[in-house]
Amino acid sequence: MKTELEKMLSGELYVAADPELSAMRRRCRELTYRFNNCPDEIEREVMLRELLGRVGSKVEVEPPFRCDYGSNIFFGENVYVNFNCVILDCAEVRIGDNVMLAPNVQIYAAHHPIDAFQRIKGPELASPITIGNNVWIGGGSIILPGVTFGDNTTIGAGSVVTKDIPAGVVAAGNPARVIRKLYQEV
């Protein structure tokens, strides 16, 4: 029998009120509170490494920062996260190298059943998100569950990304769509 954590991470319906998951979220809230209220950059970096699943070198996260678990977030090298970022990491959120997130970017791996009768029973769902290397995500963008971004991509400010975005493009809008190819793939 799978635990609720195992169900959550494998994309199955799970019960978020499970005691293990609740304890993990409480730990995350304590760490993010300390992180967001710490004036010392070196101490914040130590807390970030304790909070997240992986933190590469040259990672900077501006407070305030919010997430559900933290342990399901994996940052590559040279990542910059600006103010007011929210990452609902009920599934893995993998962010590649040389990625920049503008202010107010929201990344949601969490979602709920579409069927109202199933939804009101309470179980939730989560789908992983992968953001490739050399990606820029403009301010106020929202990334929905299960989305993958190719490398060398730019997302325009205020976009709502509902589907995968290929490599080497500019995408923008609600829903986000490719508006320009940046170069030809070889």
N, C-alpha and C. Protein backbone atom coordinates (compact mmCIF):
# COMPACT_ATOMS: atom_id res chain seq x y z
N MET A 1 0.85 -1.19 0.00
CA MET A 1 0.00 0.00 0.00
C MET A 1 0.89 1.25 0.00
N LYS A 2 0.63 2.17 -0.93
CA LYS A 2 1.41 3.40 -1.02
C LYS A 2 1.01 4.39 0.06
N THR A 3 2.00 5.16 0.51
CA THR A 3 1.71 6.26 1.42
C THR A 3 1.11 7.41 0.61
N GLU A 4 0.52 8.38 1.29
CA GLU A 4 -0.03 9.55 0.59
C GLU A 4 1.09 10.33 -0.09
N LEU A 5 2.28 10.38 0.52
CA LEU A 5 3.43 11.04 -0.10
C LEU A 5 3.81 10.33 -1.40
N GLU A 6 3.87 9.02 -1.39
CA GLU A 6 4.19 8.26 -2.60
C GLU A 6 3.14 8.48 -3.68
N LYS A 7 1.88 8.52 -3.29
CA LYS A 7 0.80 8.80 -4.26
C LYS A 7 0.97 10.20 -4.85
N MET A 8 1.24 11.19 -3.99
CA MET A 8 1.39 12.57 -4.44
C MET A 8 2.51 12.66 -5.47
N LEU A 9 3.65 12.07 -5.17
CA LEU A 9 4.80 12.18 -6.05
C LEU A 9 4.67 11.36 -7.33
N SER A 10 3.76 10.39 -7.34
CA SER A 10 3.58 9.58 -8.54
C SER A 10 2.39 10.04 -9.39
N GLY A 11 1.76 11.16 -9.02
CA GLY A 11 0.69 11.73 -9.82
C GLY A 11 -0.68 11.11 -9.60
N GLU A 12 -0.82 10.34 -8.52
CA GLU A 12 -2.11 9.74 -8.19
C GLU A 12 -2.89 10.65 -7.25
N LEU A 13 -4.19 10.41 -7.14
CA LEU A 13 -4.98 11.13 -6.14
C LEU A 13 -4.41 10.85 -4.76
N TYR A 14 -4.30 11.89 -3.95
CA TYR A 14 -3.76 11.73 -2.60
C TYR A 14 -4.51 12.65 -1.65
N VAL A 15 -4.39 12.36 -0.35
CA VAL A 15 -5.06 13.15 0.68
C VAL A 15 -4.03 14.08 1.32
N ALA A 16 -4.16 15.38 1.05
CA ALA A 16 -3.20 16.36 1.56
C ALA A 16 -3.24 16.49 3.07
N ALA A 17 -4.36 16.13 3.69
CA ALA A 17 -4.49 16.24 5.15
C ALA A 17 -3.78 15.10 5.89
N ASP A 18 -3.14 14.20 5.15
CA ASP A 18 -2.38 13.11 5.75
C ASP A 18 -1.38 13.68 6.77
N PRO A 19 -1.23 13.05 7.94
CA PRO A 19 -0.33 13.58 8.98
C PRO A 19 1.11 13.79 8.50
N GLU A 20 1.65 12.86 7.72
CA GLU A 20 3.03 13.02 7.23
C GLU A 20 3.14 14.25 6.33
N LEU A 21 2.20 14.42 5.40
CA LEU A 21 2.23 15.58 4.50
C LEU A 21 2.01 16.88 5.27
N SER A 22 1.10 16.85 6.23
CA SER A 22 0.85 18.05 7.05
C SER A 22 2.10 18.45 7.82
N ALA A 23 2.83 17.49 8.37
CA ALA A 23 4.07 17.78 9.11
C ALA A 23 5.12 18.36 8.16
N MET A 24 5.20 17.82 6.95
CA MET A 24 6.16 18.34 5.97
C MET A 24 5.84 19.79 5.59
N ARG A 25 4.57 20.10 5.43
CA ARG A 25 4.18 21.48 5.10
C ARG A 25 4.45 22.43 6.26
N ARG A 26 4.22 21.96 7.50
CA ARG A 26 4.53 22.80 8.67
C ARG A 26 6.02 23.12 8.72
N ARG A 27 6.85 22.11 8.50
CA ARG A 27 8.31 22.31 8.50
C ARG A 27 8.67 23.34 7.43
N CYS A 28 8.08 23.21 6.25
CA CYS A 28 8.34 24.13 5.15
C CYS A 28 7.93 25.55 5.53
N ARG A 29 6.78 25.70 6.14
CA ARG A 29 6.31 27.05 6.54
C ARG A 29 7.25 27.68 7.55
N GLU A 30 7.75 26.87 8.49
CA GLU A 30 8.71 27.39 9.48
C GLU A 30 9.99 27.86 8.81
N LEU A 31 10.51 27.04 7.89
CA LEU A 31 11.75 27.41 7.20
C LEU A 31 11.55 28.62 6.29
N THR A 32 10.44 28.68 5.56
CA THR A 32 10.22 29.83 4.68
C THR A 32 9.98 31.10 5.50
N TYR A 33 9.34 30.97 6.66
CA TYR A 33 9.16 32.14 7.53
C TYR A 33 10.52 32.68 7.95
N ARG A 34 11.39 31.79 8.41
CA ARG A 34 12.74 32.19 8.83
C ARG A 34 13.51 32.79 7.65
N PHE A 35 13.42 32.13 6.49
CA PHE A 35 14.11 32.61 5.30
C PHE A 35 13.63 34.02 4.93
N ASN A 36 12.32 34.21 4.89
CA ASN A 36 11.75 35.49 4.48
C ASN A 36 12.01 36.63 5.45
N ASN A 37 12.33 36.30 6.69
CA ASN A 37 12.55 37.34 7.70
C ASN A 37 14.00 37.47 8.12
N CYS A 38 14.90 36.81 7.43
CA CYS A 38 16.32 36.85 7.76
C CYS A 38 17.01 37.93 6.92
N PRO A 39 17.67 38.89 7.55
CA PRO A 39 18.34 39.94 6.78
C PRO A 39 19.70 39.52 6.22
N ASP A 40 20.25 38.41 6.70
CA ASP A 40 21.60 37.99 6.31
C ASP A 40 21.56 37.04 5.11
N GLU A 41 22.20 37.44 4.01
CA GLU A 41 22.18 36.63 2.78
C GLU A 41 22.82 35.27 2.96
N ILE A 42 23.89 35.18 3.73
CA ILE A 42 24.58 33.91 3.94
C ILE A 42 23.70 32.95 4.73
N GLU A 43 23.04 33.44 5.76
CA GLU A 43 22.12 32.60 6.53
C GLU A 43 20.94 32.14 5.67
N ARG A 44 20.44 33.04 4.80
CA ARG A 44 19.34 32.66 3.90
C ARG A 44 19.77 31.55 2.95
N GLU A 45 21.00 31.61 2.47
CA GLU A 45 21.49 30.55 1.58
C GLU A 45 21.53 29.21 2.30
N VAL A 46 21.97 29.21 3.55
CA VAL A 46 22.00 27.97 4.35
C VAL A 46 20.58 27.43 4.52
N MET A 47 19.64 28.30 4.84
CA MET A 47 18.23 27.89 5.00
C MET A 47 17.66 27.35 3.70
N LEU A 48 17.99 27.99 2.58
CA LEU A 48 17.51 27.54 1.28
C LEU A 48 17.99 26.13 0.98
N ARG A 49 19.24 25.84 1.32
CA ARG A 49 19.79 24.50 1.09
C ARG A 49 19.14 23.46 2.00
N GLU A 50 18.70 23.89 3.17
CA GLU A 50 17.98 23.00 4.08
C GLU A 50 16.55 22.76 3.59
N LEU A 51 15.96 23.78 2.99
CA LEU A 51 14.57 23.74 2.56
C LEU A 51 14.35 22.95 1.26
N LEU A 52 15.20 23.20 0.26
CA LEU A 52 14.95 22.69 -1.08
C LEU A 52 15.62 21.34 -1.33
N GLY A 53 15.13 20.64 -2.35
CA GLY A 53 15.69 19.34 -2.72
C GLY A 53 17.09 19.46 -3.29
N ARG A 54 17.35 20.51 -4.05
CA ARG A 54 18.68 20.77 -4.60
C ARG A 54 18.82 22.25 -4.88
N VAL A 55 20.01 22.78 -4.56
CA VAL A 55 20.34 24.17 -4.84
C VAL A 55 21.73 24.18 -5.45
N GLY A 56 21.82 24.50 -6.74
CA GLY A 56 23.11 24.58 -7.40
C GLY A 56 23.89 25.79 -6.92
N SER A 57 25.07 26.01 -7.51
CA SER A 57 25.87 27.18 -7.15
C SER A 57 25.27 28.42 -7.79
N LYS A 58 25.53 29.55 -7.19
CA LYS A 58 25.05 30.86 -7.67
C LYS A 58 23.53 30.91 -7.79
N VAL A 59 22.84 30.46 -6.77
CA VAL A 59 21.37 30.55 -6.74
C VAL A 59 21.00 31.68 -5.79
N GLU A 60 20.15 32.58 -6.26
CA GLU A 60 19.68 33.68 -5.43
C GLU A 60 18.16 33.72 -5.48
N VAL A 61 17.55 33.67 -4.30
CA VAL A 61 16.10 33.74 -4.17
C VAL A 61 15.78 34.94 -3.29
N GLU A 62 15.08 35.89 -3.86
CA GLU A 62 14.70 37.10 -3.12
C GLU A 62 13.46 36.81 -2.27
N PRO A 63 13.49 37.20 -1.00
CA PRO A 63 12.28 37.06 -0.19
C PRO A 63 11.27 38.15 -0.55
N PRO A 64 9.99 37.93 -0.38
CA PRO A 64 9.42 36.70 0.14
C PRO A 64 9.31 35.61 -0.92
N PHE A 65 9.45 34.39 -0.46
CA PHE A 65 9.37 33.20 -1.28
C PHE A 65 8.44 32.23 -0.56
N ARG A 66 7.56 31.55 -1.30
CA ARG A 66 6.62 30.61 -0.70
C ARG A 66 6.64 29.29 -1.47
N CYS A 67 6.48 28.20 -0.75
CA CYS A 67 6.34 26.89 -1.38
C CYS A 67 5.60 25.97 -0.41
N ASP A 68 5.14 24.82 -0.93
CA ASP A 68 4.39 23.86 -0.11
C ASP A 68 5.29 22.95 0.72
N TYR A 69 6.29 22.36 0.06
CA TYR A 69 7.15 21.36 0.70
C TYR A 69 8.62 21.73 0.62
N GLY A 70 9.03 22.34 -0.46
CA GLY A 70 10.42 22.71 -0.65
C GLY A 70 11.28 21.55 -1.13
N SER A 71 11.11 20.41 -0.54
CA SER A 71 11.94 19.24 -0.85
C SER A 71 11.75 18.74 -2.28
N ASN A 72 10.71 19.18 -2.95
CA ASN A 72 10.44 18.75 -4.32
C ASN A 72 10.86 19.79 -5.35
N ILE A 73 11.65 20.79 -4.92
CA ILE A 73 12.15 21.84 -5.81
C ILE A 73 13.64 21.60 -6.02
N PHE A 74 14.05 21.60 -7.29
CA PHE A 74 15.44 21.32 -7.64
C PHE A 74 15.94 22.43 -8.56
N PHE A 75 16.86 23.26 -8.04
CA PHE A 75 17.43 24.37 -8.81
C PHE A 75 18.78 23.96 -9.37
N GLY A 76 19.01 24.30 -10.64
CA GLY A 76 20.31 24.10 -11.26
C GLY A 76 21.28 25.18 -10.84
N GLU A 77 22.26 25.43 -11.68
CA GLU A 77 23.29 26.45 -11.42
C GLU A 77 22.83 27.81 -11.94
N ASN A 78 23.27 28.87 -11.26
CA ASN A 78 23.05 30.23 -11.72
C ASN A 78 21.56 30.52 -11.96
N VAL A 79 20.79 30.39 -10.90
CA VAL A 79 19.34 30.63 -10.95
C VAL A 79 19.02 31.88 -10.14
N TYR A 80 18.19 32.75 -10.69
CA TYR A 80 17.75 33.94 -9.97
C TYR A 80 16.22 33.93 -9.89
N VAL A 81 15.70 34.06 -8.66
CA VAL A 81 14.27 34.09 -8.41
C VAL A 81 13.95 35.42 -7.74
N ASN A 82 13.17 36.25 -8.40
CA ASN A 82 12.86 37.57 -7.87
C ASN A 82 11.73 37.49 -6.83
N PHE A 83 11.36 38.64 -6.29
CA PHE A 83 10.39 38.75 -5.20
C PHE A 83 9.06 38.07 -5.48
N ASN A 84 8.43 37.57 -4.42
CA ASN A 84 7.06 37.05 -4.44
C ASN A 84 6.86 35.82 -5.31
N CYS A 85 7.84 34.97 -5.39
CA CYS A 85 7.67 33.73 -6.15
C CYS A 85 6.92 32.72 -5.28
N VAL A 86 5.98 32.01 -5.91
CA VAL A 86 5.23 30.94 -5.24
C VAL A 86 5.43 29.67 -6.07
N ILE A 87 5.89 28.61 -5.41
CA ILE A 87 6.02 27.31 -6.07
C ILE A 87 5.25 26.28 -5.26
N LEU A 88 4.17 25.79 -5.82
CA LEU A 88 3.40 24.72 -5.18
C LEU A 88 4.01 23.41 -5.66
N ASP A 89 4.90 22.87 -4.86
CA ASP A 89 5.72 21.72 -5.25
C ASP A 89 5.19 20.40 -4.69
N CYS A 90 3.95 20.11 -4.98
CA CYS A 90 3.38 18.82 -4.59
C CYS A 90 3.92 17.71 -5.48
N ALA A 91 4.45 18.06 -6.63
CA ALA A 91 5.21 17.17 -7.50
C ALA A 91 6.56 17.85 -7.72
N GLU A 92 7.49 17.14 -8.33
CA GLU A 92 8.81 17.73 -8.55
C GLU A 92 8.72 18.94 -9.48
N VAL A 93 9.46 19.97 -9.10
CA VAL A 93 9.63 21.16 -9.93
C VAL A 93 11.13 21.28 -10.17
N ARG A 94 11.54 21.05 -11.41
CA ARG A 94 12.96 21.07 -11.78
C ARG A 94 13.23 22.31 -12.62
N ILE A 95 14.16 23.11 -12.15
CA ILE A 95 14.51 24.36 -12.81
C ILE A 95 15.98 24.26 -13.21
N GLY A 96 16.27 24.40 -14.51
CA GLY A 96 17.60 24.18 -15.05
C GLY A 96 18.59 25.28 -14.71
N ASP A 97 19.70 25.27 -15.44
CA ASP A 97 20.78 26.24 -15.26
C ASP A 97 20.46 27.54 -15.97
N ASN A 98 20.97 28.64 -15.43
CA ASN A 98 20.85 29.96 -16.04
C ASN A 98 19.40 30.37 -16.26
N VAL A 99 18.57 30.12 -15.25
CA VAL A 99 17.15 30.46 -15.33
C VAL A 99 16.90 31.71 -14.49
N MET A 100 16.05 32.60 -15.00
CA MET A 100 15.68 33.80 -14.27
C MET A 100 14.16 33.89 -14.20
N LEU A 101 13.64 34.08 -12.99
CA LEU A 101 12.22 34.28 -12.77
C LEU A 101 12.01 35.71 -12.30
N ALA A 102 11.18 36.45 -13.00
CA ALA A 102 10.88 37.83 -12.64
C ALA A 102 9.95 37.85 -11.41
N PRO A 103 9.63 39.03 -10.89
CA PRO A 103 8.75 39.10 -9.72
C PRO A 103 7.38 38.47 -9.97
N ASN A 104 6.83 37.91 -8.93
CA ASN A 104 5.46 37.39 -8.91
C ASN A 104 5.22 36.19 -9.82
N VAL A 105 6.26 35.43 -10.14
CA VAL A 105 6.07 34.21 -10.92
C VAL A 105 5.48 33.15 -10.00
N GLN A 106 4.48 32.44 -10.52
CA GLN A 106 3.80 31.38 -9.76
C GLN A 106 3.90 30.09 -10.54
N ILE A 107 4.37 29.03 -9.86
CA ILE A 107 4.57 27.73 -10.48
C ILE A 107 3.74 26.73 -9.70
N TYR A 108 2.72 26.16 -10.36
CA TYR A 108 1.76 25.30 -9.68
C TYR A 108 1.85 23.86 -10.18
N ALA A 109 2.46 22.98 -9.40
CA ALA A 109 2.43 21.55 -9.72
C ALA A 109 1.13 20.93 -9.18
N ALA A 110 0.49 21.61 -8.24
CA ALA A 110 -0.74 21.11 -7.61
C ALA A 110 -1.96 21.40 -8.47
N HIS A 111 -2.90 20.45 -8.48
CA HIS A 111 -4.19 20.69 -9.13
C HIS A 111 -5.23 19.76 -8.51
N HIS A 112 -6.45 19.90 -8.97
CA HIS A 112 -7.57 19.16 -8.41
C HIS A 112 -8.35 18.47 -9.52
N PRO A 113 -9.08 17.42 -9.19
CA PRO A 113 -9.91 16.77 -10.21
C PRO A 113 -10.88 17.77 -10.85
N ILE A 114 -11.09 17.65 -12.13
CA ILE A 114 -12.02 18.53 -12.84
C ILE A 114 -13.46 18.16 -12.52
N ASP A 115 -13.73 16.88 -12.36
CA ASP A 115 -15.08 16.40 -12.04
C ASP A 115 -15.46 16.88 -10.63
N ALA A 116 -16.53 17.66 -10.52
CA ALA A 116 -16.94 18.26 -9.25
C ALA A 116 -17.23 17.21 -8.17
N PHE A 117 -17.85 16.10 -8.54
CA PHE A 117 -18.19 15.08 -7.55
C PHE A 117 -16.94 14.43 -6.97
N GLN A 118 -15.92 14.25 -7.80
CA GLN A 118 -14.66 13.71 -7.30
C GLN A 118 -13.90 14.77 -6.50
N ARG A 119 -13.94 16.02 -6.97
CA ARG A 119 -13.21 17.10 -6.32
C ARG A 119 -13.70 17.35 -4.90
N ILE A 120 -15.03 17.32 -4.68
CA ILE A 120 -15.55 17.64 -3.34
C ILE A 120 -15.26 16.54 -2.33
N LYS A 121 -14.82 15.37 -2.80
CA LYS A 121 -14.42 14.31 -1.86
C LYS A 121 -13.10 14.66 -1.18
N GLY A 122 -12.29 15.56 -1.79
CA GLY A 122 -11.10 16.07 -1.14
C GLY A 122 -9.75 15.69 -1.70
N PRO A 123 -9.54 14.51 -2.26
CA PRO A 123 -8.21 14.18 -2.76
C PRO A 123 -7.74 15.14 -3.85
N GLU A 124 -6.43 15.34 -3.88
CA GLU A 124 -5.81 16.27 -4.81
C GLU A 124 -4.89 15.52 -5.77
N LEU A 125 -4.34 16.25 -6.73
CA LEU A 125 -3.41 15.71 -7.71
C LEU A 125 -2.20 16.63 -7.82
N ALA A 126 -1.13 16.10 -8.40
CA ALA A 126 0.05 16.92 -8.68
C ALA A 126 0.73 16.36 -9.92
N SER A 127 1.27 17.26 -10.74
CA SER A 127 1.99 16.87 -11.95
C SER A 127 3.30 17.66 -12.01
N PRO A 128 4.41 17.00 -12.33
CA PRO A 128 5.71 17.67 -12.32
C PRO A 128 5.84 18.76 -13.37
N ILE A 129 6.73 19.69 -13.08
CA ILE A 129 7.05 20.80 -13.98
C ILE A 129 8.55 20.80 -14.20
N THR A 130 8.96 20.96 -15.47
CA THR A 130 10.38 21.03 -15.80
C THR A 130 10.64 22.28 -16.61
N ILE A 131 11.58 23.07 -16.15
CA ILE A 131 11.98 24.29 -16.84
C ILE A 131 13.43 24.08 -17.27
N GLY A 132 13.67 24.12 -18.58
CA GLY A 132 15.00 23.84 -19.12
C GLY A 132 16.03 24.90 -18.78
N ASN A 133 17.17 24.82 -19.44
CA ASN A 133 18.29 25.74 -19.23
C ASN A 133 18.09 27.03 -20.01
N ASN A 134 18.64 28.12 -19.49
CA ASN A 134 18.67 29.42 -20.17
C ASN A 134 17.26 29.96 -20.44
N VAL A 135 16.38 29.81 -19.48
CA VAL A 135 14.99 30.24 -19.63
C VAL A 135 14.76 31.51 -18.82
N TRP A 136 14.02 32.44 -19.40
CA TRP A 136 13.59 33.65 -18.71
C TRP A 136 12.07 33.61 -18.64
N ILE A 137 11.51 33.79 -17.42
CA ILE A 137 10.06 33.83 -17.25
C ILE A 137 9.69 35.22 -16.74
N GLY A 138 8.90 35.93 -17.52
CA GLY A 138 8.54 37.31 -17.22
C GLY A 138 7.62 37.44 -16.03
N GLY A 139 7.60 38.64 -15.45
CA GLY A 139 6.85 38.95 -14.25
C GLY A 139 5.38 38.60 -14.33
N GLY A 140 4.87 38.06 -13.23
CA GLY A 140 3.46 37.75 -13.10
C GLY A 140 3.00 36.54 -13.90
N SER A 141 3.93 35.79 -14.45
CA SER A 141 3.54 34.60 -15.22
C SER A 141 3.09 33.48 -14.28
N ILE A 142 2.19 32.66 -14.79
CA ILE A 142 1.68 31.51 -14.04
C ILE A 142 1.96 30.26 -14.87
N ILE A 143 2.61 29.29 -14.23
CA ILE A 143 2.96 28.03 -14.88
C ILE A 143 2.07 26.95 -14.28
N LEU A 144 1.28 26.27 -15.12
CA LEU A 144 0.33 25.27 -14.64
C LEU A 144 0.95 23.87 -14.59
N PRO A 145 0.29 22.93 -13.90
CA PRO A 145 0.85 21.60 -13.67
C PRO A 145 1.17 20.84 -14.96
N GLY A 146 2.26 20.07 -14.89
CA GLY A 146 2.62 19.16 -15.96
C GLY A 146 3.32 19.78 -17.14
N VAL A 147 3.70 21.06 -17.06
CA VAL A 147 4.30 21.76 -18.18
C VAL A 147 5.81 21.54 -18.21
N THR A 148 6.36 21.43 -19.43
CA THR A 148 7.80 21.35 -19.65
C THR A 148 8.21 22.48 -20.58
N PHE A 149 9.32 23.16 -20.24
CA PHE A 149 9.88 24.23 -21.06
C PHE A 149 11.16 23.72 -21.70
N GLY A 150 11.33 23.94 -22.99
CA GLY A 150 12.59 23.65 -23.64
C GLY A 150 13.64 24.68 -23.27
N ASP A 151 14.89 24.40 -23.60
CA ASP A 151 16.00 25.31 -23.34
C ASP A 151 15.88 26.59 -24.17
N ASN A 152 16.52 27.65 -23.69
CA ASN A 152 16.68 28.91 -24.43
C ASN A 152 15.35 29.56 -24.80
N THR A 153 14.41 29.50 -23.88
CA THR A 153 13.07 30.01 -24.13
C THR A 153 12.79 31.23 -23.25
N THR A 154 11.98 32.14 -23.76
CA THR A 154 11.55 33.32 -23.03
C THR A 154 10.03 33.32 -22.95
N ILE A 155 9.51 33.58 -21.75
CA ILE A 155 8.07 33.66 -21.53
C ILE A 155 7.73 35.11 -21.20
N GLY A 156 6.82 35.70 -21.95
CA GLY A 156 6.45 37.10 -21.76
C GLY A 156 5.73 37.32 -20.43
N ALA A 157 5.87 38.51 -19.91
CA ALA A 157 5.24 38.89 -18.64
C ALA A 157 3.74 38.66 -18.69
N GLY A 158 3.19 38.19 -17.60
CA GLY A 158 1.75 37.99 -17.47
C GLY A 158 1.20 36.78 -18.19
N SER A 159 2.06 35.93 -18.69
CA SER A 159 1.59 34.75 -19.44
C SER A 159 1.04 33.68 -18.50
N VAL A 160 0.11 32.89 -19.03
CA VAL A 160 -0.39 31.72 -18.33
C VAL A 160 -0.02 30.52 -19.19
N VAL A 161 0.93 29.74 -18.70
CA VAL A 161 1.47 28.62 -19.48
C VAL A 161 0.70 27.36 -19.12
N THR A 162 -0.07 26.87 -20.08
CA THR A 162 -0.94 25.72 -19.86
C THR A 162 -0.44 24.45 -20.55
N LYS A 163 0.50 24.61 -21.50
CA LYS A 163 1.02 23.48 -22.28
C LYS A 163 2.52 23.62 -22.43
N ASP A 164 3.17 22.52 -22.83
CA ASP A 164 4.62 22.52 -23.04
C ASP A 164 5.02 23.62 -24.02
N ILE A 165 6.21 24.19 -23.75
CA ILE A 165 6.78 25.22 -24.60
C ILE A 165 8.08 24.67 -25.18
N PRO A 166 8.24 24.70 -26.50
CA PRO A 166 9.45 24.14 -27.10
C PRO A 166 10.69 25.00 -26.84
N ALA A 167 11.84 24.46 -27.20
CA ALA A 167 13.11 25.18 -27.05
C ALA A 167 13.21 26.31 -28.06
N GLY A 168 13.94 27.36 -27.66
CA GLY A 168 14.31 28.42 -28.58
C GLY A 168 13.19 29.28 -29.09
N VAL A 169 12.21 29.59 -28.24
CA VAL A 169 11.09 30.41 -28.68
C VAL A 169 10.78 31.51 -27.66
N VAL A 170 9.99 32.46 -28.11
CA VAL A 170 9.34 33.42 -27.22
C VAL A 170 7.88 33.02 -27.21
N ALA A 171 7.32 32.85 -26.01
CA ALA A 171 5.90 32.54 -25.87
C ALA A 171 5.28 33.55 -24.93
N ALA A 172 4.03 33.92 -25.19
CA ALA A 172 3.36 34.90 -24.35
C ALA A 172 1.86 34.76 -24.51
N GLY A 173 1.13 35.33 -23.55
CA GLY A 173 -0.33 35.40 -23.64
C GLY A 173 -1.02 34.50 -22.64
N ASN A 174 -2.36 34.52 -22.75
CA ASN A 174 -3.21 33.69 -21.90
C ASN A 174 -4.26 33.04 -22.78
N PRO A 175 -4.07 31.76 -23.08
CA PRO A 175 -2.94 30.92 -22.72
C PRO A 175 -1.70 31.28 -23.55
N ALA A 176 -0.53 30.97 -22.99
CA ALA A 176 0.72 31.28 -23.69
C ALA A 176 0.80 30.50 -24.99
N ARG A 177 1.28 31.17 -26.01
CA ARG A 177 1.49 30.51 -27.30
C ARG A 177 2.79 31.06 -27.87
N VAL A 178 3.41 30.27 -28.73
CA VAL A 178 4.66 30.69 -29.36
C VAL A 178 4.37 31.87 -30.29
N ILE A 179 5.11 32.95 -30.09
CA ILE A 179 4.92 34.13 -30.96
C ILE A 179 6.14 34.38 -31.85
N ARG A 180 7.27 33.71 -31.50
CA ARG A 180 8.46 33.88 -32.34
C ARG A 180 9.44 32.77 -32.04
N LYS A 181 10.07 32.26 -33.10
CA LYS A 181 11.19 31.33 -32.92
C LYS A 181 12.45 32.15 -32.84
N LEU A 182 13.31 31.83 -31.87
CA LEU A 182 14.53 32.62 -31.69
C LEU A 182 15.65 32.15 -32.61
N TYR A 183 15.67 30.89 -32.95
CA TYR A 183 16.70 30.35 -33.84
C TYR A 183 16.24 29.00 -34.34
N GLN A 184 16.91 28.53 -35.35
CA GLN A 184 16.59 27.22 -35.93
C GLN A 184 17.37 26.14 -35.21
N GLU A 185 16.69 25.09 -34.76
CA GLU A 185 17.36 23.95 -34.12
C GLU A 185 18.14 23.19 -35.18
N VAL A 186 19.30 22.63 -34.80
CA VAL A 186 20.09 21.79 -35.73
C VAL A 186 20.00 20.34 -35.34
